[in-house]
């Protein structure tokens, strides 16, 4: 555990030295405030706060994890770490937890700048963490499956935009399609967060599906790790 925490400290310092990384972390906070304020003035309610929390999850989780892992694979950083006492699981945990911390930070401040600091945020912590894990795992899978940083950035951006946009439009579709779209992780976690904000309670089916995604994606990463 000490080795993981040491690697996490190194990862945090390394990431914060890059201005582009800081922009990715802060962008959801800034955009959520500006766009939500504009929408409230025009009485347009389709861009909910829960969608902006999701945006923080997919933006930070996928766009930081995927391209960074590809760059480290190309630079043989992963190979060098595997020569240390750390194994693949510990390396992935350290890097994933680092991005997850940034994701949770961004999500929390998306809520605070729009709603202020209140007790509702405590209820939101669990789906924020679960959602953050899902998209960090998706980013990690992209990072290990895509061969080049150029392709990795394009795939990461495409996946991020797709997962975000589908949440913005699926409610305009016929109601029966929800039983299909609920299996998309971004929709499930957004529904859980939105229901907590609006009604103060968890949606059981959507929560179970979100947890299933974390387990399934985690198992996929375990299979990837066997190659290392």
Foldseek 3Di string as FASTA:
>chain_A
DVVLVVVLVVLLVVQVVDVVLVCLLQVLQVVLLVVVVVCVVVVNPLCDLLLSLLLLLLSLQQQVQQLVLLVCVVVCVVVVVCVDPDAPVSNLVSNLVSSLVSSLVSSLSSCCSVPNDDPLVVVCSVLSSLSNLLSNLVNNCLNLPDNHSVVRNVVSVVVSCVLSVCCSPVVVDDPVCCVVCLLRLSNLSSVQSVCCVVPVDGDVVSVVSSVVSSVVSVVVVVVSSVVD
